[in-house]
Amino acid sequence: MAIKVRNKKIDPVLKQVIKALEQYAEAHPNARIEVYRHNNVSVRIRVIDPSFKGISRGQRGDDMWAILRELPEETVADITLLIMLTPAEAKKSFASMEFDDPIPSRI
């Protein structure tokens, strides 16, 4: 599945994040991955993947950060929100709701 990007303009940092997430997308074809730049210092990522079922949030984070840590330090510093949920969890998650309808940035 392709990675959904909300921004019309994709800057170099966002391009790097998308490229890294493509690794996960290839290995997890049922995952829905969305990414967007919230403001000039904030990139937000949401991964909704049925294969997360039965996997602890810590392990999910370890798996995702293993991919994202390969990015330059300046790029990683822009990742301010990484949400990793099963489809059922996404329906109840406040963080996921914020991702759907973000509060506008003041920056």
PDB file of N, CA and C in Angstrom:
ATOM      1  N   MET A   1       0.847  -1.179   0.000  1.00  0.00           N
ATOM      2  CA  MET A   1       0.000   0.000   0.000  1.00  0.00           C
ATOM      3  C   MET A   1       0.890   1.239   0.000  1.00  0.00           C
ATOM      4  N   ALA A   2       0.478   2.223  -0.728  1.00  0.00           N
ATOM      5  CA  ALA A   2       1.239   3.471  -0.792  1.00  0.00           C
ATOM      6  C   ALA A   2       1.119   4.238   0.518  1.00  0.00           C
ATOM      7  N   ILE A   3       2.062   5.099   0.738  1.00  0.00           N
ATOM      8  CA  ILE A   3       2.054   5.951   1.912  1.00  0.00           C
ATOM      9  C   ILE A   3       1.272   7.212   1.568  1.00  0.00           C
ATOM     10  N   LYS A   4       0.308   7.537   2.407  1.00  0.00           N
ATOM     11  CA  LYS A   4      -0.514   8.725   2.185  1.00  0.00           C
ATOM     12  C   LYS A   4       0.200   9.929   2.783  1.00  0.00           C
ATOM     13  N   VAL A   5       0.368  10.966   1.967  1.00  0.00           N
ATOM     14  CA  VAL A   5       1.005  12.199   2.408  1.00  0.00           C
ATOM     15  C   VAL A   5      -0.014  13.321   2.258  1.00  0.00           C
ATOM     16  N   ARG A   6      -0.251  14.045   3.328  1.00  0.00           N
ATOM     17  CA  ARG A   6      -1.260  15.113   3.310  1.00  0.00           C
ATOM     18  C   ARG A   6      -0.770  16.403   2.683  1.00  0.00           C
ATOM     19  N   ASN A   7       0.513  16.660   2.771  1.00  0.00           N
ATOM     20  CA  ASN A   7       1.049  17.924   2.296  1.00  0.00           C
ATOM     21  C   ASN A   7       1.139  17.945   0.775  1.00  0.00           C
ATOM     22  N   LYS A   8       0.804  19.081   0.190  1.00  0.00           N
ATOM     23  CA  LYS A   8       0.957  19.242  -1.253  1.00  0.00           C
ATOM     24  C   LYS A   8       2.422  19.420  -1.607  1.00  0.00           C
ATOM     25  N   LYS A   9       3.136  20.171  -0.768  1.00  0.00           N
ATOM     26  CA  LYS A   9       4.561  20.397  -0.966  1.00  0.00           C
ATOM     27  C   LYS A   9       5.329  19.440  -0.065  1.00  0.00           C
ATOM     28  N   ILE A  10       6.196  18.656  -0.678  1.00  0.00           N
ATOM     29  CA  ILE A  10       6.976  17.682   0.091  1.00  0.00           C
ATOM     30  C   ILE A  10       8.421  18.166   0.148  1.00  0.00           C
ATOM     31  N   ASP A  11       8.843  18.564   1.342  1.00  0.00           N
ATOM     32  CA  ASP A  11      10.196  19.084   1.525  1.00  0.00           C
ATOM     33  C   ASP A  11      11.192  17.922   1.650  1.00  0.00           C
ATOM     34  N   PRO A  12      12.492  18.212   1.634  1.00  0.00           N
ATOM     35  CA  PRO A  12      13.509  17.148   1.699  1.00  0.00           C
ATOM     36  C   PRO A  12      13.400  16.250   2.935  1.00  0.00           C
ATOM     37  N   VAL A  13      13.080  16.810   4.088  1.00  0.00           N
ATOM     38  CA  VAL A  13      12.951  16.003   5.306  1.00  0.00           C
ATOM     39  C   VAL A  13      11.787  15.030   5.165  1.00  0.00           C
ATOM     40  N   LEU A  14      10.662  15.518   4.688  1.00  0.00           N
ATOM     41  CA  LEU A  14       9.491  14.660   4.492  1.00  0.00           C
ATOM     42  C   LEU A  14       9.791  13.558   3.476  1.00  0.00           C
ATOM     43  N   LYS A  15      10.534  13.889   2.437  1.00  0.00           N
ATOM     44  CA  LYS A  15      10.932  12.880   1.441  1.00  0.00           C
ATOM     45  C   LYS A  15      11.748  11.763   2.091  1.00  0.00           C
ATOM     46  N   GLN A  16      12.669  12.139   2.977  1.00  0.00           N
ATOM     47  CA  GLN A  16      13.503  11.148   3.654  1.00  0.00           C
ATOM     48  C   GLN A  16      12.655  10.239   4.542  1.00  0.00           C
ATOM     49  N   VAL A  17      11.709  10.824   5.268  1.00  0.00           N
ATOM     50  CA  VAL A  17      10.836  10.044   6.146  1.00  0.00           C
ATOM     51  C   VAL A  17       9.994   9.076   5.317  1.00  0.00           C
ATOM     52  N   ILE A  18       9.430   9.561   4.233  1.00  0.00           N
ATOM     53  CA  ILE A  18       8.607   8.713   3.362  1.00  0.00           C
ATOM     54  C   ILE A  18       9.433   7.558   2.821  1.00  0.00           C
ATOM     55  N   LYS A  19      10.638   7.840   2.370  1.00  0.00           N
ATOM     56  CA  LYS A  19      11.505   6.784   1.826  1.00  0.00           C
ATOM     57  C   LYS A  19      11.788   5.716   2.877  1.00  0.00           C
ATOM     58  N   ALA A  20      12.045   6.131   4.107  1.00  0.00           N
ATOM     59  CA  ALA A  20      12.296   5.171   5.187  1.00  0.00           C
ATOM     60  C   ALA A  20      11.047   4.337   5.456  1.00  0.00           C
ATOM     61  N   LEU A  21       9.882   4.975   5.470  1.00  0.00           N
ATOM     62  CA  LEU A  21       8.635   4.259   5.753  1.00  0.00           C
ATOM     63  C   LEU A  21       8.253   3.285   4.640  1.00  0.00           C
ATOM     64  N   GLU A  22       8.779   3.500   3.448  1.00  0.00           N
ATOM     65  CA  GLU A  22       8.506   2.575   2.344  1.00  0.00           C
ATOM     66  C   GLU A  22       9.007   1.169   2.666  1.00  0.00           C
ATOM     67  N   GLN A  23      10.080   1.064   3.442  1.00  0.00           N
ATOM     68  CA  GLN A  23      10.581  -0.253   3.868  1.00  0.00           C
ATOM     69  C   GLN A  23       9.508  -0.999   4.657  1.00  0.00           C
ATOM     70  N   TYR A  24       8.903  -0.280   5.592  1.00  0.00           N
ATOM     71  CA  TYR A  24       7.859  -0.889   6.412  1.00  0.00           C
ATOM     72  C   TYR A  24       6.660  -1.246   5.547  1.00  0.00           C
ATOM     73  N   ALA A  25       6.272  -0.342   4.663  1.00  0.00           N
ATOM     74  CA  ALA A  25       5.110  -0.558   3.799  1.00  0.00           C
ATOM     75  C   ALA A  25       5.288  -1.797   2.916  1.00  0.00           C
ATOM     76  N   GLU A  26       6.474  -2.002   2.406  1.00  0.00           N
ATOM     77  CA  GLU A  26       6.745  -3.179   1.566  1.00  0.00           C
ATOM     78  C   GLU A  26       6.619  -4.469   2.360  1.00  0.00           C
ATOM     79  N   ALA A  27       7.088  -4.451   3.587  1.00  0.00           N
ATOM     80  CA  ALA A  27       7.047  -5.650   4.432  1.00  0.00           C
ATOM     81  C   ALA A  27       5.676  -5.885   5.058  1.00  0.00           C
ATOM     82  N   HIS A  28       4.833  -4.841   5.091  1.00  0.00           N
ATOM     83  CA  HIS A  28       3.507  -4.920   5.732  1.00  0.00           C
ATOM     84  C   HIS A  28       2.453  -4.349   4.779  1.00  0.00           C
ATOM     85  N   PRO A  29       2.071  -5.103   3.767  1.00  0.00           N
ATOM     86  CA  PRO A  29       1.156  -4.579   2.740  1.00  0.00           C
ATOM     87  C   PRO A  29      -0.237  -4.214   3.256  1.00  0.00           C
ATOM     88  N   ASN A  30      -0.635  -4.699   4.414  1.00  0.00           N
ATOM     89  CA  ASN A  30      -1.951  -4.355   4.963  1.00  0.00           C
ATOM     90  C   ASN A  30      -1.925  -3.122   5.851  1.00  0.00           C
ATOM     91  N   ALA A  31      -0.744  -2.569   6.047  1.00  0.00           N
ATOM     92  CA  ALA A  31      -0.611  -1.374   6.895  1.00  0.00           C
ATOM     93  C   ALA A  31      -1.068  -0.135   6.132  1.00  0.00           C
ATOM     94  N   ARG A  32      -1.709   0.772   6.868  1.00  0.00           N
ATOM     95  CA  ARG A  32      -2.041   2.097   6.333  1.00  0.00           C
ATOM     96  C   ARG A  32      -1.074   3.075   6.980  1.00  0.00           C
ATOM     97  N   ILE A  33      -0.298   3.743   6.176  1.00  0.00           N
ATOM     98  CA  ILE A  33       0.708   4.663   6.689  1.00  0.00           C
ATOM     99  C   ILE A  33       0.388   6.059   6.174  1.00  0.00           C
ATOM    100  N   GLU A  34       0.345   7.002   7.105  1.00  0.00           N
ATOM    101  CA  GLU A  34       0.084   8.395   6.765  1.00  0.00           C
ATOM    102  C   GLU A  34       1.162   9.257   7.408  1.00  0.00           C
ATOM    103  N   VAL A  35       1.547  10.274   6.692  1.00  0.00           N
ATOM    104  CA  VAL A  35       2.577  11.177   7.199  1.00  0.00           C
ATOM    105  C   VAL A  35       2.261  12.591   6.720  1.00  0.00           C
ATOM    106  N   TYR A  36       2.566  13.556   7.571  1.00  0.00           N
ATOM    107  CA  TYR A  36       2.437  14.941   7.138  1.00  0.00           C
ATOM    108  C   TYR A  36       3.312  15.846   7.991  1.00  0.00           C
ATOM    109  N   ARG A  37       3.631  16.987   7.420  1.00  0.00           N
ATOM    110  CA  ARG A  37       4.365  18.006   8.155  1.00  0.00           C
ATOM    111  C   ARG A  37       3.330  18.902   8.810  1.00  0.00           C
ATOM    112  N   HIS A  38       3.348  18.922  10.146  1.00  0.00           N
ATOM    113  CA  HIS A  38       2.399  19.728  10.914  1.00  0.00           C
ATOM    114  C   HIS A  38       2.817  21.201  10.928  1.00  0.00           C
ATOM    115  N   ASN A  39       4.115  21.425  11.030  1.00  0.00           N
ATOM    116  CA  ASN A  39       4.669  22.780  10.943  1.00  0.00           C
ATOM    117  C   ASN A  39       6.133  22.651  10.556  1.00  0.00           C
ATOM    118  N   ASN A  40       6.872  23.739  10.578  1.00  0.00           N
ATOM    119  CA  ASN A  40       8.246  23.674  10.071  1.00  0.00           C
ATOM    120  C   ASN A  40       9.208  22.858  10.935  1.00  0.00           C
ATOM    121  N   VAL A  41       8.784  22.414  12.115  1.00  0.00           N
ATOM    122  CA  VAL A  41       9.650  21.592  12.967  1.00  0.00           C
ATOM    123  C   VAL A  41       8.972  20.305  13.423  1.00  0.00           C
ATOM    124  N   SER A  42       7.894  19.921  12.757  1.00  0.00           N
ATOM    125  CA  SER A  42       7.125  18.771  13.228  1.00  0.00           C
ATOM    126  C   SER A  42       6.598  17.916  12.075  1.00  0.00           C
ATOM    127  N   VAL A  43       7.025  16.649  12.071  1.00  0.00           N
ATOM    128  CA  VAL A  43       6.500  15.656  11.144  1.00  0.00           C
ATOM    129  C   VAL A  43       5.733  14.639  11.978  1.00  0.00           C
ATOM    130  N   ARG A  44       4.530  14.311  11.526  1.00  0.00           N
ATOM    131  CA  ARG A  44       3.687  13.353  12.235  1.00  0.00           C
ATOM    132  C   ARG A  44       3.476  12.112  11.379  1.00  0.00           C
ATOM    133  N   ILE A  45       3.517  10.956  12.033  1.00  0.00           N
ATOM    134  CA  ILE A  45       3.380   9.669  11.348  1.00  0.00           C
ATOM    135  C   ILE A  45       2.336   8.829  12.074  1.00  0.00           C
ATOM    136  N   ARG A  46       1.467   8.191  11.298  1.00  0.00           N
ATOM    137  CA  ARG A  46       0.517   7.233  11.876  1.00  0.00           C
ATOM    138  C   ARG A  46       0.595   5.956  11.054  1.00  0.00           C
ATOM    139  N   VAL A  47       0.764   4.848  11.756  1.00  0.00           N
ATOM    140  CA  VAL A  47       0.774   3.528  11.128  1.00  0.00           C
ATOM    141  C   VAL A  47      -0.356   2.721  11.767  1.00  0.00           C
ATOM    142  N   ILE A  48      -1.307   2.318  10.943  1.00  0.00           N
ATOM    143  CA  ILE A  48      -2.392   1.452  11.399  1.00  0.00           C
ATOM    144  C   ILE A  48      -2.181   0.117  10.707  1.00  0.00           C
ATOM    145  N   ASP A  49      -1.874  -0.893  11.508  1.00  0.00           N
ATOM    146  CA  ASP A  49      -1.475  -2.180  10.949  1.00  0.00           C
ATOM    147  C   ASP A  49      -2.116  -3.318  11.743  1.00  0.00           C
ATOM    148  N   PRO A  50      -2.895  -4.170  11.078  1.00  0.00           N
ATOM    149  CA  PRO A  50      -3.496  -5.306  11.776  1.00  0.00           C
ATOM    150  C   PRO A  50      -2.450  -6.246  12.385  1.00  0.00           C
ATOM    151  N   SER A  51      -1.248  -6.251  11.830  1.00  0.00           N
ATOM    152  CA  SER A  51      -0.220  -7.156  12.366  1.00  0.00           C
ATOM    153  C   SER A  51       0.314  -6.700  13.721  1.00  0.00           C
ATOM    154  N   PHE A  52      -0.073  -5.511  14.191  1.00  0.00           N
ATOM    155  CA  PHE A  52       0.308  -5.060  15.532  1.00  0.00           C
ATOM    156  C   PHE A  52      -0.453  -5.806  16.625  1.00  0.00           C
ATOM    157  N   LYS A  53      -1.537  -6.465  16.257  1.00  0.00           N
ATOM    158  CA  LYS A  53      -2.338  -7.160  17.261  1.00  0.00           C
ATOM    159  C   LYS A  53      -1.468  -8.164  18.017  1.00  0.00           C
ATOM    160  N   GLY A  54      -1.503  -8.074  19.344  1.00  0.00           N
ATOM    161  CA  GLY A  54      -0.728  -8.982  20.189  1.00  0.00           C
ATOM    162  C   GLY A  54       0.712  -8.551  20.392  1.00  0.00           C
ATOM    163  N   ILE A  55       1.105  -7.452  19.787  1.00  0.00           N
ATOM    164  CA  ILE A  55       2.472  -6.940  19.942  1.00  0.00           C
ATOM    165  C   ILE A  55       2.422  -5.725  20.869  1.00  0.00           C
ATOM    166  N   SER A  56       3.290  -5.704  21.850  1.00  0.00           N
ATOM    167  CA  SER A  56       3.287  -4.589  22.811  1.00  0.00           C
ATOM    168  C   SER A  56       3.632  -3.282  22.116  1.00  0.00           C
ATOM    169  N   ARG A  57       3.187  -2.185  22.720  1.00  0.00           N
ATOM    170  CA  ARG A  57       3.499  -0.866  22.165  1.00  0.00           C
ATOM    171  C   ARG A  57       5.013  -0.628  22.149  1.00  0.00           C
ATOM    172  N   GLY A  58       5.691  -1.139  23.149  1.00  0.00           N
ATOM    173  CA  GLY A  58       7.148  -1.005  23.196  1.00  0.00           C
ATOM    174  C   GLY A  58       7.822  -1.708  22.034  1.00  0.00           C
ATOM    175  N   GLN A  59       7.379  -2.919  21.739  1.00  0.00           N
ATOM    176  CA  GLN A  59       7.963  -3.665  20.619  1.00  0.00           C
ATOM    177  C   GLN A  59       7.640  -2.992  19.291  1.00  0.00           C
ATOM    178  N   ARG A  60       6.426  -2.476  19.165  1.00  0.00           N
ATOM    179  CA  ARG A  60       6.053  -1.740  17.948  1.00  0.00           C
ATOM    180  C   ARG A  60       7.014  -0.570  17.744  1.00  0.00           C
ATOM    181  N   GLY A  61       7.239   0.160  18.831  1.00  0.00           N
ATOM    182  CA  GLY A  61       8.146   1.303  18.764  1.00  0.00           C
ATOM    183  C   GLY A  61       9.559   0.891  18.404  1.00  0.00           C
ATOM    184  N   ASP A  62      10.028  -0.181  19.016  1.00  0.00           N
ATOM    185  CA  ASP A  62      11.373  -0.674  18.695  1.00  0.00           C
ATOM    186  C   ASP A  62      11.487  -1.004  17.213  1.00  0.00           C
ATOM    187  N   ASP A  63      10.473  -1.661  16.660  1.00  0.00           N
ATOM    188  CA  ASP A  63      10.498  -2.049  15.249  1.00  0.00           C
ATOM    189  C   ASP A  63      10.489  -0.830  14.326  1.00  0.00           C
ATOM    190  N   MET A  64       9.630   0.151  14.637  1.00  0.00           N
ATOM    191  CA  MET A  64       9.544   1.341  13.786  1.00  0.00           C
ATOM    192  C   MET A  64      10.794   2.205  13.907  1.00  0.00           C
ATOM    193  N   TRP A  65      11.289   2.378  15.134  1.00  0.00           N
ATOM    194  CA  TRP A  65      12.464   3.222  15.305  1.00  0.00           C
ATOM    195  C   TRP A  65      13.716   2.586  14.726  1.00  0.00           C
ATOM    196  N   ALA A  66      13.737   1.274  14.608  1.00  0.00           N
ATOM    197  CA  ALA A  66      14.874   0.615  13.949  1.00  0.00           C
ATOM    198  C   ALA A  66      14.987   1.104  12.502  1.00  0.00           C
ATOM    199  N   ILE A  67      13.861   1.361  11.883  1.00  0.00           N
ATOM    200  CA  ILE A  67      13.847   1.894  10.511  1.00  0.00           C
ATOM    201  C   ILE A  67      14.150   3.388  10.513  1.00  0.00           C
ATOM    202  N   LEU A  68      13.499   4.124  11.382  1.00  0.00           N
ATOM    203  CA  LEU A  68      13.625   5.584  11.386  1.00  0.00           C
ATOM    204  C   LEU A  68      14.985   6.068  11.878  1.00  0.00           C
ATOM    205  N   ARG A  69      15.648   5.290  12.713  1.00  0.00           N
ATOM    206  CA  ARG A  69      16.970   5.691  13.216  1.00  0.00           C
ATOM    207  C   ARG A  69      18.031   5.710  12.127  1.00  0.00           C
ATOM    208  N   GLU A  70      17.733   5.111  10.999  1.00  0.00           N
ATOM    209  CA  GLU A  70      18.665   5.126   9.873  1.00  0.00           C
ATOM    210  C   GLU A  70      18.701   6.503   9.195  1.00  0.00           C
ATOM    211  N   LEU A  71      17.726   7.342   9.510  1.00  0.00           N
ATOM    212  CA  LEU A  71      17.654   8.684   8.937  1.00  0.00           C
ATOM    213  C   LEU A  71      18.686   9.597   9.597  1.00  0.00           C
ATOM    214  N   PRO A  72      19.042  10.701   8.918  1.00  0.00           N
ATOM    215  CA  PRO A  72      19.941  11.674   9.565  1.00  0.00           C
ATOM    216  C   PRO A  72      19.322  12.208  10.857  1.00  0.00           C
ATOM    217  N   GLU A  73      20.172  12.546  11.802  1.00  0.00           N
ATOM    218  CA  GLU A  73      19.725  13.014  13.118  1.00  0.00           C
ATOM    219  C   GLU A  73      18.786  14.220  13.015  1.00  0.00           C
ATOM    220  N   GLU A  74      19.076  15.131  12.079  1.00  0.00           N
ATOM    221  CA  GLU A  74      18.242  16.327  11.910  1.00  0.00           C
ATOM    222  C   GLU A  74      16.836  15.952  11.437  1.00  0.00           C
ATOM    223  N   THR A  75      16.739  14.903  10.649  1.00  0.00           N
ATOM    224  CA  THR A  75      15.437  14.441  10.162  1.00  0.00           C
ATOM    225  C   THR A  75      14.659  13.781  11.294  1.00  0.00           C
ATOM    226  N   VAL A  76      15.314  12.925  12.041  1.00  0.00           N
ATOM    227  CA  VAL A  76      14.669  12.246  13.169  1.00  0.00           C
ATOM    228  C   VAL A  76      14.159  13.267  14.181  1.00  0.00           C
ATOM    229  N   ALA A  77      14.893  14.338  14.366  1.00  0.00           N
ATOM    230  CA  ALA A  77      14.495  15.371  15.332  1.00  0.00           C
ATOM    231  C   ALA A  77      13.160  16.016  14.957  1.00  0.00           C
ATOM    232  N   ASP A  78      12.798  15.995  13.690  1.00  0.00           N
ATOM    233  CA  ASP A  78      11.524  16.579  13.251  1.00  0.00           C
ATOM    234  C   ASP A  78      10.331  15.651  13.491  1.00  0.00           C
ATOM    235  N   ILE A  79      10.561  14.387  13.792  1.00  0.00           N
ATOM    236  CA  ILE A  79       9.457  13.454  14.033  1.00  0.00           C
ATOM    237  C   ILE A  79       8.967  13.664  15.460  1.00  0.00           C
ATOM    238  N   THR A  80       7.810  14.283  15.574  1.00  0.00           N
ATOM    239  CA  THR A  80       7.276  14.626  16.892  1.00  0.00           C
ATOM    240  C   THR A  80       6.110  13.746  17.316  1.00  0.00           C
ATOM    241  N   LEU A  81       5.542  13.001  16.369  1.00  0.00           N
ATOM    242  CA  LEU A  81       4.424  12.122  16.704  1.00  0.00           C
ATOM    243  C   LEU A  81       4.530  10.871  15.845  1.00  0.00           C
ATOM    244  N   LEU A  82       4.577   9.730  16.505  1.00  0.00           N
ATOM    245  CA  LEU A  82       4.588   8.438  15.831  1.00  0.00           C
ATOM    246  C   LEU A  82       3.539   7.578  16.518  1.00  0.00           C
ATOM    247  N   ILE A  83       2.448   7.331  15.813  1.00  0.00           N
ATOM    248  CA  ILE A  83       1.340   6.556  16.356  1.00  0.00           C
ATOM    249  C   ILE A  83       1.330   5.212  15.652  1.00  0.00           C
ATOM    250  N   MET A  84       1.310   4.133  16.419  1.00  0.00           N
ATOM    251  CA  MET A  84       1.308   2.781  15.864  1.00  0.00           C
ATOM    252  C   MET A  84       0.162   2.007  16.492  1.00  0.00           C
ATOM    253  N   LEU A  85      -0.873   1.748  15.717  1.00  0.00           N
ATOM    254  CA  LEU A  85      -2.102   1.172  16.253  1.00  0.00           C
ATOM    255  C   LEU A  85      -2.639   0.047  15.385  1.00  0.00           C
ATOM    256  N   THR A  86      -3.420  -0.833  16.008  1.00  0.00           N
ATOM    257  CA  THR A  86      -4.218  -1.781  15.236  1.00  0.00           C
ATOM    258  C   THR A  86      -5.453  -1.015  14.752  1.00  0.00           C
ATOM    259  N   PRO A  87      -6.182  -1.524  13.773  1.00  0.00           N
ATOM    260  CA  PRO A  87      -7.409  -0.842  13.346  1.00  0.00           C
ATOM    261  C   PRO A  87      -8.404  -0.642  14.493  1.00  0.00           C
ATOM    262  N   ALA A  88      -8.553  -1.626  15.373  1.00  0.00           N
ATOM    263  CA  ALA A  88      -9.477  -1.488  16.503  1.00  0.00           C
ATOM    264  C   ALA A  88      -9.014  -0.398  17.463  1.00  0.00           C
ATOM    265  N   GLU A  89      -7.715  -0.328  17.736  1.00  0.00           N
ATOM    266  CA  GLU A  89      -7.185   0.701  18.631  1.00  0.00           C
ATOM    267  C   GLU A  89      -7.361   2.098  18.028  1.00  0.00           C
ATOM    268  N   ALA A  90      -7.226   2.197  16.714  1.00  0.00           N
ATOM    269  CA  ALA A  90      -7.326   3.495  16.042  1.00  0.00           C
ATOM    270  C   ALA A  90      -8.698   4.126  16.231  1.00  0.00           C
ATOM    271  N   LYS A  91      -9.725   3.293  16.339  1.00  0.00           N
ATOM    272  CA  LYS A  91     -11.086   3.807  16.509  1.00  0.00           C
ATOM    273  C   LYS A  91     -11.282   4.494  17.856  1.00  0.00           C
ATOM    274  N   LYS A  92     -10.470   4.133  18.871  1.00  0.00           N
ATOM    275  CA  LYS A  92     -10.635   4.661  20.222  1.00  0.00           C
ATOM    276  C   LYS A  92      -9.519   5.608  20.654  1.00  0.00           C
ATOM    277  N   SER A  93      -8.521   5.786  19.830  1.00  0.00           N
ATOM    278  CA  SER A  93      -7.329   6.527  20.222  1.00  0.00           C
ATOM    279  C   SER A  93      -7.499   8.038  20.058  1.00  0.00           C
ATOM    280  N   PHE A  94      -7.258   8.775  21.149  1.00  0.00           N
ATOM    281  CA  PHE A  94      -7.299  10.233  21.072  1.00  0.00           C
ATOM    282  C   PHE A  94      -6.180  10.762  20.177  1.00  0.00           C
ATOM    283  N   ALA A  95      -5.026  10.135  20.222  1.00  0.00           N
ATOM    284  CA  ALA A  95      -3.916  10.558  19.368  1.00  0.00           C
ATOM    285  C   ALA A  95      -4.276  10.370  17.894  1.00  0.00           C
ATOM    286  N   SER A  96      -4.964   9.285  17.597  1.00  0.00           N
ATOM    287  CA  SER A  96      -5.387   9.053  16.219  1.00  0.00           C
ATOM    288  C   SER A  96      -6.420  10.088  15.788  1.00  0.00           C
ATOM    289  N   MET A  97      -7.302  10.465  16.698  1.00  0.00           N
ATOM    290  CA  MET A  97      -8.292  11.503  16.391  1.00  0.00           C
ATOM    291  C   MET A  97      -7.598  12.837  16.120  1.00  0.00           C
ATOM    292  N   GLU A  98      -6.589  13.150  16.908  1.00  0.00           N
ATOM    293  CA  GLU A  98      -5.814  14.377  16.686  1.00  0.00           C
ATOM    294  C   GLU A  98      -5.133  14.317  15.323  1.00  0.00           C
ATOM    295  N   PHE A  99      -4.704  13.148  14.921  1.00  0.00           N
ATOM    296  CA  PHE A  99      -4.078  12.988  13.617  1.00  0.00           C
ATOM    297  C   PHE A  99      -5.091  13.269  12.506  1.00  0.00           C
ATOM    298  N   ASP A 100      -6.338  12.811  12.697  1.00  0.00           N
ATOM    299  CA  ASP A 100      -7.393  13.032  11.706  1.00  0.00           C
ATOM    300  C   ASP A 100      -7.807  14.492  11.619  1.00  0.00           C
ATOM    301  N   ASP A 101      -7.833  15.159  12.749  1.00  0.00           N
ATOM    302  CA  ASP A 101      -8.314  16.543  12.807  1.00  0.00           C
ATOM    303  C   ASP A 101      -7.361  17.349  13.698  1.00  0.00           C
ATOM    304  N   PRO A 102      -6.157  17.648  13.194  1.00  0.00           N
ATOM    305  CA  PRO A 102      -5.142  18.283  14.039  1.00  0.00           C
ATOM    306  C   PRO A 102      -5.493  19.706  14.443  1.00  0.00           C
ATOM    307  N   ILE A 103      -5.091  20.035  15.650  1.00  0.00           N
ATOM    308  CA  ILE A 103      -5.193  21.421  16.117  1.00  0.00           C
ATOM    309  C   ILE A 103      -4.156  22.214  15.332  1.00  0.00           C
ATOM    310  N   PRO A 104      -4.542  23.320  14.730  1.00  0.00           N
ATOM    311  CA  PRO A 104      -3.583  24.110  13.946  1.00  0.00           C
ATOM    312  C   PRO A 104      -2.356  24.509  14.755  1.00  0.00           C
ATOM    313  N   SER A 105      -1.233  24.478  14.103  1.00  0.00           N
ATOM    314  CA  SER A 105       0.020  24.856  14.743  1.00  0.00           C
ATOM    315  C   SER A 105       0.116  26.365  14.884  1.00  0.00           C
ATOM    316  N   ARG A 106       0.715  26.810  15.969  1.00  0.00           N
ATOM    317  CA  ARG A 106       0.928  28.246  16.169  1.00  0.00           C
ATOM    318  C   ARG A 106       2.280  28.682  15.637  1.00  0.00           C
ATOM    319  N   ILE A 107       3.044  27.737  15.139  1.00  0.00           N
ATOM    320  CA  ILE A 107       4.384  28.052  14.621  1.00  0.00           C
ATOM    321  C   ILE A 107       4.293  28.426  13.162  1.00  0.00           C
TER     322      ILE A 107
END
